[in-house]
C-alpha cells in the first residue's frame, strides 16, 4: 500500500504552529498542540448560521468583513432607527447610536472606521463618521437621497444611485463629496458593501427589478454581464469589481434565497441562503460573506463560505 510520501512526494511535516497558507490535502503534525491536522478546501459555496442581531431590522447600512462588521440604522421606525451594532464573527453588540435615525442608507469602511450617508424618508443628505465608539456629523452629500449603494473606506467612498431612476454617483475624499460619472442605468441600488472607490460593482436594483451589472474603474461605469436572476433589494458585497457575491432580493413578486458569485466576467449560481430575504444587509467578500437581517425585521445572520476556502481538519490520535 502506498504511504503518504509516495502519494504526495513529501513526509508529514512537524511544525510548532499551523502553516499560514496550506495546500489542499496538506497534512502536518503540530508539536505545540500535539495534534495531527490536515487542510481541505471547499468545493462549493454554502451558507451557515451566524450570531443574531440584538434588534431585528431591515434596510440597514452595513459594512466590514465576515469577522468584523457594522450594521447601522434601518427599519422599523417612522424615520428609521439610530441603532448601531458591531459583529465580532460570532455575536452582535449594540454600540453608540447614529446622530440622525434613518433607513435605506449606505455605509463604507470598517467596523472601527466607517462612514454612514444618505437614507431616510424624506431623503437625507447627512454624512456621519464612526471612530469605533461614536458617530460625528461631517460634510453633507450634494443631493439628499435614499436607496443608495456605498463602497470604499471612511476617507475614500462612493455613494451610488438613489430613489427612482437616479443615476448620480458621488465620491468622498475624507472631507467633501464630489459628483462623478453617472450609472448607465439609474436605479435604486440599496445594499452594496465594501469594494473600493476605484474598483466597484453594482448589480440588480429597481424599478423595475433588474439584473443589470455595472463595473466602476474610478472614473466611469461600464455595463457588463447581467445577474442570472433579475431582482431588487438584494445584498451585494465584494473586495473589488472582479469578485463579488449577490444574494436574496425580490425578482418582482416574492422573496428569494438565490446566491450568485461574480468572477469579473460572469455570474454563477451558488448555494441558497437558508432563509429567503430582501432588504438584506451585506458585508464581507465573495468567499466570506455576511447576510444580515432583512424584511420582517429579521434578527438572523448567515455566513457564506465560498468554494476554495481552507478548512482545517483535526485527527484524534488517542
C-alpha atoms as a PDB file:
ATOM      1  CA  UNK A   1       0.000   0.000   0.000  1.00  0.00           C
ATOM      2  CA  UNK A   2       1.361   3.471  -0.888  1.00  0.00           C
ATOM      3  CA  UNK A   3       2.322   5.711   2.017  1.00  0.00           C
ATOM      4  CA  UNK A   4       1.812   9.478   2.335  1.00  0.00           C
ATOM      5  CA  UNK A   5       5.245  10.307   0.864  1.00  0.00           C
ATOM      6  CA  UNK A   6       4.678   8.015  -2.143  1.00  0.00           C
ATOM      7  CA  UNK A   7       1.391   9.826  -2.900  1.00  0.00           C
ATOM      8  CA  UNK A   8       2.396  13.441  -2.173  1.00  0.00           C
ATOM      9  CA  UNK A   9       6.194  13.383  -2.558  1.00  0.00           C
ATOM     10  CA  UNK A  10       6.861  14.671   0.975  1.00  0.00           C
ATOM     11  CA  UNK A  11       6.737  13.345   4.513  1.00  0.00           C
ATOM     12  CA  UNK A  12       4.294  14.665   7.103  1.00  0.00           C
ATOM     13  CA  UNK A  13       5.973  17.782   8.474  1.00  0.00           C
ATOM     14  CA  UNK A  14       6.306  18.526  12.183  1.00  0.00           C
ATOM     15  CA  UNK A  15       5.726  22.223  12.924  1.00  0.00           C
ATOM     16  CA  UNK A  16       5.408  24.404  16.027  1.00  0.00           C
ATOM     17  CA  UNK A  17       2.398  26.300  14.583  1.00  0.00           C
ATOM     18  CA  UNK A  18      -0.110  25.705  11.802  1.00  0.00           C
ATOM     19  CA  UNK A  19       1.068  26.808   8.313  1.00  0.00           C
ATOM     20  CA  UNK A  20      -0.320  30.151   7.126  1.00  0.00           C
ATOM     21  CA  UNK A  21      -1.442  29.018   3.668  1.00  0.00           C
ATOM     22  CA  UNK A  22      -1.594  25.215   3.497  1.00  0.00           C
ATOM     23  CA  UNK A  23      -2.205  23.429   0.199  1.00  0.00           C
ATOM     24  CA  UNK A  24      -5.336  21.365  -0.376  1.00  0.00           C
ATOM     25  CA  UNK A  25      -4.699  17.957   1.189  1.00  0.00           C
ATOM     26  CA  UNK A  26      -1.594  19.046   3.120  1.00  0.00           C
ATOM     27  CA  UNK A  27      -1.081  17.167   6.424  1.00  0.00           C
ATOM     28  CA  UNK A  28       1.106  18.295   9.337  1.00  0.00           C
ATOM     29  CA  UNK A  29       1.789  17.488  12.983  1.00  0.00           C
ATOM     30  CA  UNK A  30       1.582  20.474  15.356  1.00  0.00           C
ATOM     31  CA  UNK A  31       4.119  19.689  18.085  1.00  0.00           C
ATOM     32  CA  UNK A  32       2.908  22.548  20.298  1.00  0.00           C
ATOM     33  CA  UNK A  33      -0.697  21.299  20.412  1.00  0.00           C
ATOM     34  CA  UNK A  34       0.344  17.671  19.818  1.00  0.00           C
ATOM     35  CA  UNK A  35      -2.313  17.391  17.093  1.00  0.00           C
ATOM     36  CA  UNK A  36      -2.302  15.882  13.604  1.00  0.00           C
ATOM     37  CA  UNK A  37      -4.077  18.229  11.204  1.00  0.00           C
ATOM     38  CA  UNK A  38      -4.909  18.431   7.508  1.00  0.00           C
ATOM     39  CA  UNK A  39      -6.204  21.125   5.183  1.00  0.00           C
ATOM     40  CA  UNK A  40      -9.148  20.690   2.840  1.00  0.00           C
ATOM     41  CA  UNK A  41     -10.775  23.200   0.521  1.00  0.00           C
ATOM     42  CA  UNK A  42     -14.496  23.635  -0.024  1.00  0.00           C
ATOM     43  CA  UNK A  43     -15.738  22.625  -3.472  1.00  0.00           C
ATOM     44  CA  UNK A  44     -18.962  24.682  -3.481  1.00  0.00           C
ATOM     45  CA  UNK A  45     -20.209  27.819  -1.750  1.00  0.00           C
ATOM     46  CA  UNK A  46     -22.611  27.409   1.182  1.00  0.00           C
ATOM     47  CA  UNK A  47     -24.292  29.429   3.944  1.00  0.00           C
ATOM     48  CA  UNK A  48     -24.257  28.672   7.693  1.00  0.00           C
ATOM     49  CA  UNK A  49     -25.885  30.340  10.710  1.00  0.00           C
ATOM     50  CA  UNK A  50     -24.125  33.244  12.410  1.00  0.00           C
ATOM     51  CA  UNK A  51     -24.981  35.285  15.507  1.00  0.00           C
ATOM     52  CA  UNK A  52     -28.340  37.077  15.761  1.00  0.00           C
ATOM     53  CA  UNK A  53     -28.773  40.849  15.786  1.00  0.00           C
ATOM     54  CA  UNK A  54     -29.976  42.240  19.120  1.00  0.00           C
ATOM     55  CA  UNK A  55     -32.571  44.358  17.283  1.00  0.00           C
ATOM     56  CA  UNK A  56     -34.265  42.783  14.254  1.00  0.00           C
ATOM     57  CA  UNK A  57     -34.092  45.191  11.307  1.00  0.00           C
ATOM     58  CA  UNK A  58     -34.081  45.610   7.562  1.00  0.00           C
ATOM     59  CA  UNK A  59     -32.937  48.474   5.296  1.00  0.00           C
ATOM     60  CA  UNK A  60     -29.695  48.974   7.269  1.00  0.00           C
ATOM     61  CA  UNK A  61     -26.368  50.447   6.289  1.00  0.00           C
ATOM     62  CA  UNK A  62     -23.783  47.659   6.562  1.00  0.00           C
ATOM     63  CA  UNK A  63     -20.046  47.310   6.022  1.00  0.00           C
ATOM     64  CA  UNK A  64     -16.985  45.337   7.127  1.00  0.00           C
ATOM     65  CA  UNK A  65     -15.764  41.763   6.835  1.00  0.00           C
ATOM     66  CA  UNK A  66     -17.247  38.464   7.995  1.00  0.00           C
ATOM     67  CA  UNK A  67     -15.484  38.589  11.364  1.00  0.00           C
ATOM     68  CA  UNK A  68     -15.716  42.364  11.965  1.00  0.00           C
ATOM     69  CA  UNK A  69     -18.856  44.054  10.611  1.00  0.00           C
ATOM     70  CA  UNK A  70     -21.107  47.029  11.372  1.00  0.00           C
ATOM     71  CA  UNK A  71     -24.912  47.294  10.946  1.00  0.00           C
ATOM     72  CA  UNK A  72     -26.383  50.777  11.328  1.00  0.00           C
ATOM     73  CA  UNK A  73     -29.860  52.332  11.276  1.00  0.00           C
ATOM     74  CA  UNK A  74     -32.654  50.589   9.402  1.00  0.00           C
ATOM     75  CA  UNK A  75     -36.356  49.835   9.795  1.00  0.00           C
ATOM     76  CA  UNK A  76     -38.599  49.755  11.903  1.00  0.00           C
ATOM     77  CA  UNK A  77     -39.358  53.293  12.992  1.00  0.00           C
ATOM     78  CA  UNK A  78     -41.244  56.099  11.179  1.00  0.00           C
ATOM     79  CA  UNK A  79     -37.982  57.744  10.146  1.00  0.00           C
ATOM     80  CA  UNK A  80     -35.858  54.668  10.725  1.00  0.00           C
ATOM     81  CA  UNK A  81     -33.585  53.534  13.511  1.00  0.00           C
ATOM     82  CA  UNK A  82     -30.406  55.019  15.003  1.00  0.00           C
ATOM     83  CA  UNK A  83     -29.156  51.694  16.420  1.00  0.00           C
ATOM     84  CA  UNK A  84     -25.616  50.568  15.575  1.00  0.00           C
ATOM     85  CA  UNK A  85     -24.378  47.023  16.211  1.00  0.00           C
ATOM     86  CA  UNK A  86     -20.886  45.586  15.834  1.00  0.00           C
ATOM     87  CA  UNK A  87     -20.147  41.939  14.868  1.00  0.00           C
ATOM     88  CA  UNK A  88     -17.046  40.032  16.011  1.00  0.00           C
ATOM     89  CA  UNK A  89     -17.580  36.896  13.932  1.00  0.00           C
ATOM     90  CA  UNK A  90     -19.900  35.199  16.412  1.00  0.00           C
ATOM     91  CA  UNK A  91     -22.104  37.781  18.134  1.00  0.00           C
ATOM     92  CA  UNK A  92     -23.523  41.305  17.734  1.00  0.00           C
ATOM     93  CA  UNK A  93     -23.066  44.045  20.352  1.00  0.00           C
ATOM     94  CA  UNK A  94     -25.002  47.330  20.497  1.00  0.00           C
ATOM     95  CA  UNK A  95     -22.745  50.366  20.399  1.00  0.00           C
ATOM     96  CA  UNK A  96     -23.358  54.129  20.049  1.00  0.00           C
ATOM     97  CA  UNK A  97     -26.407  55.355  18.059  1.00  0.00           C
ATOM     98  CA  UNK A  98     -26.338  57.489  14.920  1.00  0.00           C
ATOM     99  CA  UNK A  99     -26.997  61.192  15.492  1.00  0.00           C
ATOM    100  CA  UNK A 100     -29.797  61.047  12.888  1.00  0.00           C
ATOM    101  CA  UNK A 101     -32.087  57.989  12.795  1.00  0.00           C
ATOM    102  CA  UNK A 102     -32.685  56.723   9.245  1.00  0.00           C
ATOM    103  CA  UNK A 103     -33.246  53.724   6.991  1.00  0.00           C
ATOM    104  CA  UNK A 104     -32.251  52.710   3.444  1.00  0.00           C
ATOM    105  CA  UNK A 105     -28.904  54.409   3.988  1.00  0.00           C
ATOM    106  CA  UNK A 106     -25.426  53.379   2.841  1.00  0.00           C
ATOM    107  CA  UNK A 107     -22.133  52.709   4.601  1.00  0.00           C
ATOM    108  CA  UNK A 108     -18.456  52.302   3.770  1.00  0.00           C
ATOM    109  CA  UNK A 109     -15.311  51.479   5.706  1.00  0.00           C
ATOM    110  CA  UNK A 110     -14.602  49.085   8.572  1.00  0.00           C
ATOM    111  CA  UNK A 111     -16.272  48.326  11.887  1.00  0.00           C
ATOM    112  CA  UNK A 112     -13.891  50.727  13.663  1.00  0.00           C
ATOM    113  CA  UNK A 113     -13.645  53.426  10.952  1.00  0.00           C
ATOM    114  CA  UNK A 114     -16.863  53.777   8.949  1.00  0.00           C
ATOM    115  CA  UNK A 115     -18.981  56.329   7.109  1.00  0.00           C
ATOM    116  CA  UNK A 116     -22.819  56.404   7.042  1.00  0.00           C
ATOM    117  CA  UNK A 117     -24.605  58.586   4.491  1.00  0.00           C
ATOM    118  CA  UNK A 118     -27.992  59.345   2.956  1.00  0.00           C
ATOM    119  CA  UNK A 119     -31.153  57.384   3.691  1.00  0.00           C
ATOM    120  CA  UNK A 120     -34.480  58.277   5.245  1.00  0.00           C
ATOM    121  CA  UNK A 121     -37.959  59.474   4.273  1.00  0.00           C
ATOM    122  CA  UNK A 122     -37.755  62.234   3.197  1.00  0.00           C
ATOM    123  CA  UNK A 123     -34.296  61.540   1.782  1.00  0.00           C
ATOM    124  CA  UNK A 124     -31.448  62.975   3.836  1.00  0.00           C
ATOM    125  CA  UNK A 125     -28.033  64.319   2.856  1.00  0.00           C
ATOM    126  CA  UNK A 126     -26.366  63.825   6.253  1.00  0.00           C
ATOM    127  CA  UNK A 127     -22.997  62.065   6.482  1.00  0.00           C
ATOM    128  CA  UNK A 128     -21.647  60.691   9.756  1.00  0.00           C
ATOM    129  CA  UNK A 129     -18.190  59.331  10.583  1.00  0.00           C
ATOM    130  CA  UNK A 130     -17.580  56.428  13.022  1.00  0.00           C
ATOM    131  CA  UNK A 131     -14.383  56.123  15.091  1.00  0.00           C
ATOM    132  CA  UNK A 132     -15.155  52.803  16.754  1.00  0.00           C
ATOM    133  CA  UNK A 133     -17.086  54.310  19.669  1.00  0.00           C
ATOM    134  CA  UNK A 134     -19.161  57.277  18.443  1.00  0.00           C
ATOM    135  CA  UNK A 135     -20.646  58.979  15.371  1.00  0.00           C
ATOM    136  CA  UNK A 136     -19.733  62.544  14.320  1.00  0.00           C
ATOM    137  CA  UNK A 137     -21.585  64.592  11.697  1.00  0.00           C
ATOM    138  CA  UNK A 138     -19.451  65.726   8.777  1.00  0.00           C
ATOM    139  CA  UNK A 139     -19.960  67.251   5.296  1.00  0.00           C
ATOM    140  CA  UNK A 140     -23.317  66.522   3.586  1.00  0.00           C
ATOM    141  CA  UNK A 141     -23.928  64.797   0.277  1.00  0.00           C
ATOM    142  CA  UNK A 142     -24.580  67.204  -2.597  1.00  0.00           C
ATOM    143  CA  UNK A 143     -28.032  65.641  -3.048  1.00  0.00           C
ATOM    144  CA  UNK A 144     -30.130  64.079  -0.299  1.00  0.00           C
ATOM    145  CA  UNK A 145     -31.071  60.522  -1.307  1.00  0.00           C
ATOM    146  CA  UNK A 146     -32.023  57.099  -0.053  1.00  0.00           C
ATOM    147  CA  UNK A 147     -31.800  53.657  -1.709  1.00  0.00           C
ATOM    148  CA  UNK A 148     -28.096  54.228  -2.368  1.00  0.00           C
ATOM    149  CA  UNK A 149     -25.148  51.866  -2.511  1.00  0.00           C
ATOM    150  CA  UNK A 150     -21.926  52.517  -0.626  1.00  0.00           C
ATOM    151  CA  UNK A 151     -18.371  51.475  -1.486  1.00  0.00           C
ATOM    152  CA  UNK A 152     -14.904  52.236  -0.196  1.00  0.00           C
ATOM    153  CA  UNK A 153     -13.447  53.390   3.105  1.00  0.00           C
ATOM    154  CA  UNK A 154     -14.087  56.099   5.668  1.00  0.00           C
ATOM    155  CA  UNK A 155     -11.900  58.543   3.719  1.00  0.00           C
ATOM    156  CA  UNK A 156     -12.440  57.357   0.110  1.00  0.00           C
ATOM    157  CA  UNK A 157     -16.036  56.349  -0.589  1.00  0.00           C
ATOM    158  CA  UNK A 158     -18.748  56.235  -3.259  1.00  0.00           C
ATOM    159  CA  UNK A 159     -22.486  56.974  -2.926  1.00  0.00           C
ATOM    160  CA  UNK A 160     -24.228  55.261  -5.842  1.00  0.00           C
ATOM    161  CA  UNK A 161     -27.709  55.618  -7.352  1.00  0.00           C
ATOM    162  CA  UNK A 162     -30.795  56.636  -5.426  1.00  0.00           C
ATOM    163  CA  UNK A 163     -34.596  56.804  -5.479  1.00  0.00           C
ATOM    164  CA  UNK A 164     -36.491  56.072  -8.686  1.00  0.00           C
ATOM    165  CA  UNK A 165     -34.090  56.023 -11.612  1.00  0.00           C
ATOM    166  CA  UNK A 166     -31.341  58.173 -10.063  1.00  0.00           C
ATOM    167  CA  UNK A 167     -28.023  57.581 -11.863  1.00  0.00           C
ATOM    168  CA  UNK A 168     -25.966  60.003  -9.773  1.00  0.00           C
ATOM    169  CA  UNK A 169     -22.650  58.920  -8.209  1.00  0.00           C
ATOM    170  CA  UNK A 170     -20.756  60.975  -5.623  1.00  0.00           C
ATOM    171  CA  UNK A 171     -17.158  60.498  -4.478  1.00  0.00           C
ATOM    172  CA  UNK A 172     -15.910  61.263  -0.924  1.00  0.00           C
ATOM    173  CA  UNK A 173     -12.332  62.358  -0.248  1.00  0.00           C
ATOM    174  CA  UNK A 174     -12.495  62.448   3.544  1.00  0.00           C
ATOM    175  CA  UNK A 175     -13.859  65.984   3.788  1.00  0.00           C
ATOM    176  CA  UNK A 176     -16.346  66.585   0.937  1.00  0.00           C
ATOM    177  CA  UNK A 177     -18.496  64.920  -1.733  1.00  0.00           C
ATOM    178  CA  UNK A 178     -17.995  65.481  -5.484  1.00  0.00           C
ATOM    179  CA  UNK A 179     -20.290  64.356  -8.293  1.00  0.00           C
ATOM    180  CA  UNK A 180     -18.582  61.928 -10.681  1.00  0.00           C
ATOM    181  CA  UNK A 181     -19.695  59.629 -13.532  1.00  0.00           C
ATOM    182  CA  UNK A 182     -23.346  58.527 -13.630  1.00  0.00           C
ATOM    183  CA  UNK A 183     -24.564  54.945 -13.800  1.00  0.00           C
ATOM    184  CA  UNK A 184     -25.606  53.851 -17.292  1.00  0.00           C
ATOM    185  CA  UNK A 185     -28.914  52.640 -15.822  1.00  0.00           C
ATOM    186  CA  UNK A 186     -30.279  54.794 -12.990  1.00  0.00           C
ATOM    187  CA  UNK A 187     -31.763  52.733 -10.167  1.00  0.00           C
ATOM    188  CA  UNK A 188     -32.369  52.105  -6.506  1.00  0.00           C
ATOM    189  CA  UNK A 189     -29.143  50.297  -5.665  1.00  0.00           C
ATOM    190  CA  UNK A 190     -29.914  49.561  -1.988  1.00  0.00           C
ATOM    191  CA  UNK A 191     -27.232  47.351  -0.341  1.00  0.00           C
ATOM    192  CA  UNK A 192     -23.762  47.403  -1.893  1.00  0.00           C
ATOM    193  CA  UNK A 193     -20.938  46.866   0.590  1.00  0.00           C
ATOM    194  CA  UNK A 194     -17.144  47.093   0.593  1.00  0.00           C
ATOM    195  CA  UNK A 195     -15.476  47.216  -2.875  1.00  0.00           C
ATOM    196  CA  UNK A 196     -13.219  50.267  -3.308  1.00  0.00           C
ATOM    197  CA  UNK A 197     -13.562  53.840  -4.501  1.00  0.00           C
ATOM    198  CA  UNK A 198     -11.683  52.966  -7.717  1.00  0.00           C
ATOM    199  CA  UNK A 199     -12.966  49.410  -8.304  1.00  0.00           C
ATOM    200  CA  UNK A 200     -16.631  48.876  -7.530  1.00  0.00           C
ATOM    201  CA  UNK A 201     -19.666  46.919  -8.751  1.00  0.00           C
ATOM    202  CA  UNK A 202     -23.432  47.449  -8.871  1.00  0.00           C
ATOM    203  CA  UNK A 203     -25.755  44.504  -9.574  1.00  0.00           C
ATOM    204  CA  UNK A 204     -29.535  44.326  -9.657  1.00  0.00           C
ATOM    205  CA  UNK A 205     -31.826  47.060  -8.353  1.00  0.00           C
ATOM    206  CA  UNK A 206     -35.140  48.650  -9.293  1.00  0.00           C
ATOM    207  CA  UNK A 207     -37.589  49.873 -10.555  1.00  0.00           C
ATOM    208  CA  UNK A 208     -38.424  47.523 -12.138  1.00  0.00           C
ATOM    209  CA  UNK A 209     -36.354  44.610 -10.791  1.00  0.00           C
ATOM    210  CA  UNK A 210     -33.260  44.288 -12.971  1.00  0.00           C
ATOM    211  CA  UNK A 211     -30.239  42.040 -13.384  1.00  0.00           C
ATOM    212  CA  UNK A 212     -28.059  44.764 -14.899  1.00  0.00           C
ATOM    213  CA  UNK A 213     -24.482  44.809 -13.630  1.00  0.00           C
ATOM    214  CA  UNK A 214     -22.094  47.750 -13.947  1.00  0.00           C
ATOM    215  CA  UNK A 215     -18.375  47.936 -13.164  1.00  0.00           C
ATOM    216  CA  UNK A 216     -16.594  51.108 -11.928  1.00  0.00           C
ATOM    217  CA  UNK A 217     -12.939  51.817 -12.769  1.00  0.00           C
ATOM    218  CA  UNK A 218     -12.515  55.015 -10.778  1.00  0.00           C
ATOM    219  CA  UNK A 219     -13.920  57.366 -13.401  1.00  0.00           C
ATOM    220  CA  UNK A 220     -16.741  55.656 -15.330  1.00  0.00           C
ATOM    221  CA  UNK A 221     -19.343  52.881 -15.136  1.00  0.00           C
ATOM    222  CA  UNK A 222     -19.351  50.119 -17.783  1.00  0.00           C
ATOM    223  CA  UNK A 223     -22.264  47.763 -18.318  1.00  0.00           C
ATOM    224  CA  UNK A 224     -21.271  44.106 -18.165  1.00  0.00           C
ATOM    225  CA  UNK A 225     -22.931  40.670 -17.771  1.00  0.00           C
ATOM    226  CA  UNK A 226     -26.364  40.590 -16.077  1.00  0.00           C
ATOM    227  CA  UNK A 227     -27.256  38.566 -12.999  1.00  0.00           C
ATOM    228  CA  UNK A 228     -28.865  35.228 -13.871  1.00  0.00           C
ATOM    229  CA  UNK A 229     -31.956  36.334 -11.908  1.00  0.00           C
ATOM    230  CA  UNK A 230     -33.087  39.964 -12.026  1.00  0.00           C
ATOM    231  CA  UNK A 231     -34.032  41.307  -8.576  1.00  0.00           C
ATOM    232  CA  UNK A 232     -34.387  44.323  -6.324  1.00  0.00           C
ATOM    233  CA  UNK A 233     -33.385  44.964  -2.700  1.00  0.00           C
ATOM    234  CA  UNK A 234     -30.686  42.291  -2.681  1.00  0.00           C
ATOM    235  CA  UNK A 235     -27.331  42.225  -0.903  1.00  0.00           C
ATOM    236  CA  UNK A 236     -24.116  42.652  -2.909  1.00  0.00           C
ATOM    237  CA  UNK A 237     -20.610  42.554  -1.448  1.00  0.00           C
ATOM    238  CA  UNK A 238     -17.033  42.085  -2.648  1.00  0.00           C
ATOM    239  CA  UNK A 239     -13.430  43.230  -2.482  1.00  0.00           C
ATOM    240  CA  UNK A 240     -13.325  44.878  -5.928  1.00  0.00           C
ATOM    241  CA  UNK A 241     -15.036  44.722  -9.352  1.00  0.00           C
ATOM    242  CA  UNK A 242     -13.505  41.317 -10.149  1.00  0.00           C
ATOM    243  CA  UNK A 243     -15.040  39.332  -7.276  1.00  0.00           C
ATOM    244  CA  UNK A 244     -18.482  39.706  -5.705  1.00  0.00           C
ATOM    245  CA  UNK A 245     -21.416  37.927  -4.082  1.00  0.00           C
ATOM    246  CA  UNK A 246     -25.114  38.738  -4.691  1.00  0.00           C
ATOM    247  CA  UNK A 247     -27.879  37.199  -2.580  1.00  0.00           C
ATOM    248  CA  UNK A 248     -31.557  37.419  -1.656  1.00  0.00           C
ATOM    249  CA  UNK A 249     -33.848  40.105  -3.080  1.00  0.00           C
ATOM    250  CA  UNK A 250     -37.174  40.411  -4.854  1.00  0.00           C
ATOM    251  CA  UNK A 251     -37.479  39.313  -8.509  1.00  0.00           C
ATOM    252  CA  UNK A 252     -40.838  41.122  -8.797  1.00  0.00           C
ATOM    253  CA  UNK A 253     -43.115  39.040  -6.619  1.00  0.00           C
ATOM    254  CA  UNK A 254     -41.984  37.156  -3.547  1.00  0.00           C
ATOM    255  CA  UNK A 255     -38.582  36.947  -1.923  1.00  0.00           C
ATOM    256  CA  UNK A 256     -35.719  34.651  -2.945  1.00  0.00           C
ATOM    257  CA  UNK A 257     -32.767  32.911  -1.295  1.00  0.00           C
ATOM    258  CA  UNK A 258     -30.746  32.806  -4.532  1.00  0.00           C
ATOM    259  CA  UNK A 259     -26.996  33.431  -4.327  1.00  0.00           C
ATOM    260  CA  UNK A 260     -24.677  34.221  -7.248  1.00  0.00           C
ATOM    261  CA  UNK A 261     -20.906  34.795  -7.360  1.00  0.00           C
ATOM    262  CA  UNK A 262     -19.055  37.091  -9.798  1.00  0.00           C
ATOM    263  CA  UNK A 263     -15.629  36.296 -11.259  1.00  0.00           C
ATOM    264  CA  UNK A 264     -15.103  39.547 -13.142  1.00  0.00           C
ATOM    265  CA  UNK A 265     -16.981  38.497 -16.292  1.00  0.00           C
ATOM    266  CA  UNK A 266     -19.964  36.302 -15.365  1.00  0.00           C
ATOM    267  CA  UNK A 267     -22.296  35.267 -12.557  1.00  0.00           C
ATOM    268  CA  UNK A 268     -22.533  31.659 -11.284  1.00  0.00           C
ATOM    269  CA  UNK A 269     -25.273  30.315  -9.020  1.00  0.00           C
ATOM    270  CA  UNK A 270     -24.136  29.162  -5.571  1.00  0.00           C
ATOM    271  CA  UNK A 271     -25.890  27.512  -2.618  1.00  0.00           C
ATOM    272  CA  UNK A 272     -29.041  29.326  -1.485  1.00  0.00           C
ATOM    273  CA  UNK A 273     -29.467  31.266   1.739  1.00  0.00           C
ATOM    274  CA  UNK A 274     -31.179  29.216   4.468  1.00  0.00           C
ATOM    275  CA  UNK A 275     -33.866  31.942   4.647  1.00  0.00           C
ATOM    276  CA  UNK A 276     -35.163  33.905   1.666  1.00  0.00           C
ATOM    277  CA  UNK A 277     -34.899  37.621   2.436  1.00  0.00           C
ATOM    278  CA  UNK A 278     -34.890  41.078   0.878  1.00  0.00           C
ATOM    279  CA  UNK A 279     -33.786  44.477   2.173  1.00  0.00           C
ATOM    280  CA  UNK A 280     -30.903  42.384   3.485  1.00  0.00           C
ATOM    281  CA  UNK A 281     -27.661  43.865   4.787  1.00  0.00           C
ATOM    282  CA  UNK A 282     -24.399  42.706   3.198  1.00  0.00           C
ATOM    283  CA  UNK A 283     -20.755  42.598   4.285  1.00  0.00           C
ATOM    284  CA  UNK A 284     -17.603  40.596   3.640  1.00  0.00           C
ATOM    285  CA  UNK A 285     -16.183  39.220   0.409  1.00  0.00           C
ATOM    286  CA  UNK A 286     -17.116  36.799  -2.369  1.00  0.00           C
ATOM    287  CA  UNK A 287     -15.741  33.844  -0.402  1.00  0.00           C
ATOM    288  CA  UNK A 288     -16.528  35.056   3.134  1.00  0.00           C
ATOM    289  CA  UNK A 289     -19.788  36.999   3.055  1.00  0.00           C
ATOM    290  CA  UNK A 290     -22.460  38.071   5.549  1.00  0.00           C
ATOM    291  CA  UNK A 291     -26.239  38.347   5.045  1.00  0.00           C
ATOM    292  CA  UNK A 292     -27.646  40.484   7.873  1.00  0.00           C
ATOM    293  CA  UNK A 293     -31.307  40.827   8.900  1.00  0.00           C
ATOM    294  CA  UNK A 294     -33.934  41.564   6.276  1.00  0.00           C
ATOM    295  CA  UNK A 295     -37.588  42.461   5.710  1.00  0.00           C
ATOM    296  CA  UNK A 296     -39.857  41.297   8.518  1.00  0.00           C
ATOM    297  CA  UNK A 297     -37.297  42.698  10.975  1.00  0.00           C
ATOM    298  CA  UNK A 298     -35.222  39.541  10.898  1.00  0.00           C
ATOM    299  CA  UNK A 299     -32.527  39.106  13.542  1.00  0.00           C
ATOM    300  CA  UNK A 300     -30.741  36.252  11.767  1.00  0.00           C
ATOM    301  CA  UNK A 301     -27.277  36.475  10.234  1.00  0.00           C
ATOM    302  CA  UNK A 302     -25.904  33.981   7.719  1.00  0.00           C
ATOM    303  CA  UNK A 303     -22.225  33.446   6.892  1.00  0.00           C
ATOM    304  CA  UNK A 304     -21.102  32.394   3.402  1.00  0.00           C
ATOM    305  CA  UNK A 305     -18.039  30.254   2.735  1.00  0.00           C
ATOM    306  CA  UNK A 306     -17.086  30.142  -0.938  1.00  0.00           C
ATOM    307  CA  UNK A 307     -15.505  27.390  -2.993  1.00  0.00           C
ATOM    308  CA  UNK A 308     -11.764  27.107  -2.406  1.00  0.00           C
ATOM    309  CA  UNK A 309     -11.893  28.239   1.222  1.00  0.00           C
ATOM    310  CA  UNK A 310      -9.488  26.409   3.557  1.00  0.00           C
ATOM    311  CA  UNK A 311     -10.832  24.230   6.372  1.00  0.00           C
ATOM    312  CA  UNK A 312      -8.532  22.647   8.940  1.00  0.00           C
ATOM    313  CA  UNK A 313      -9.391  19.079   9.962  1.00  0.00           C
ATOM    314  CA  UNK A 314      -8.067  17.570  13.189  1.00  0.00           C
ATOM    315  CA  UNK A 315      -7.438  13.875  13.820  1.00  0.00           C
ATOM    316  CA  UNK A 316      -7.679  12.091  17.153  1.00  0.00           C
ATOM    317  CA  UNK A 317      -4.518  10.031  17.730  1.00  0.00           C
ATOM    318  CA  UNK A 318      -5.576   8.596  21.095  1.00  0.00           C
END
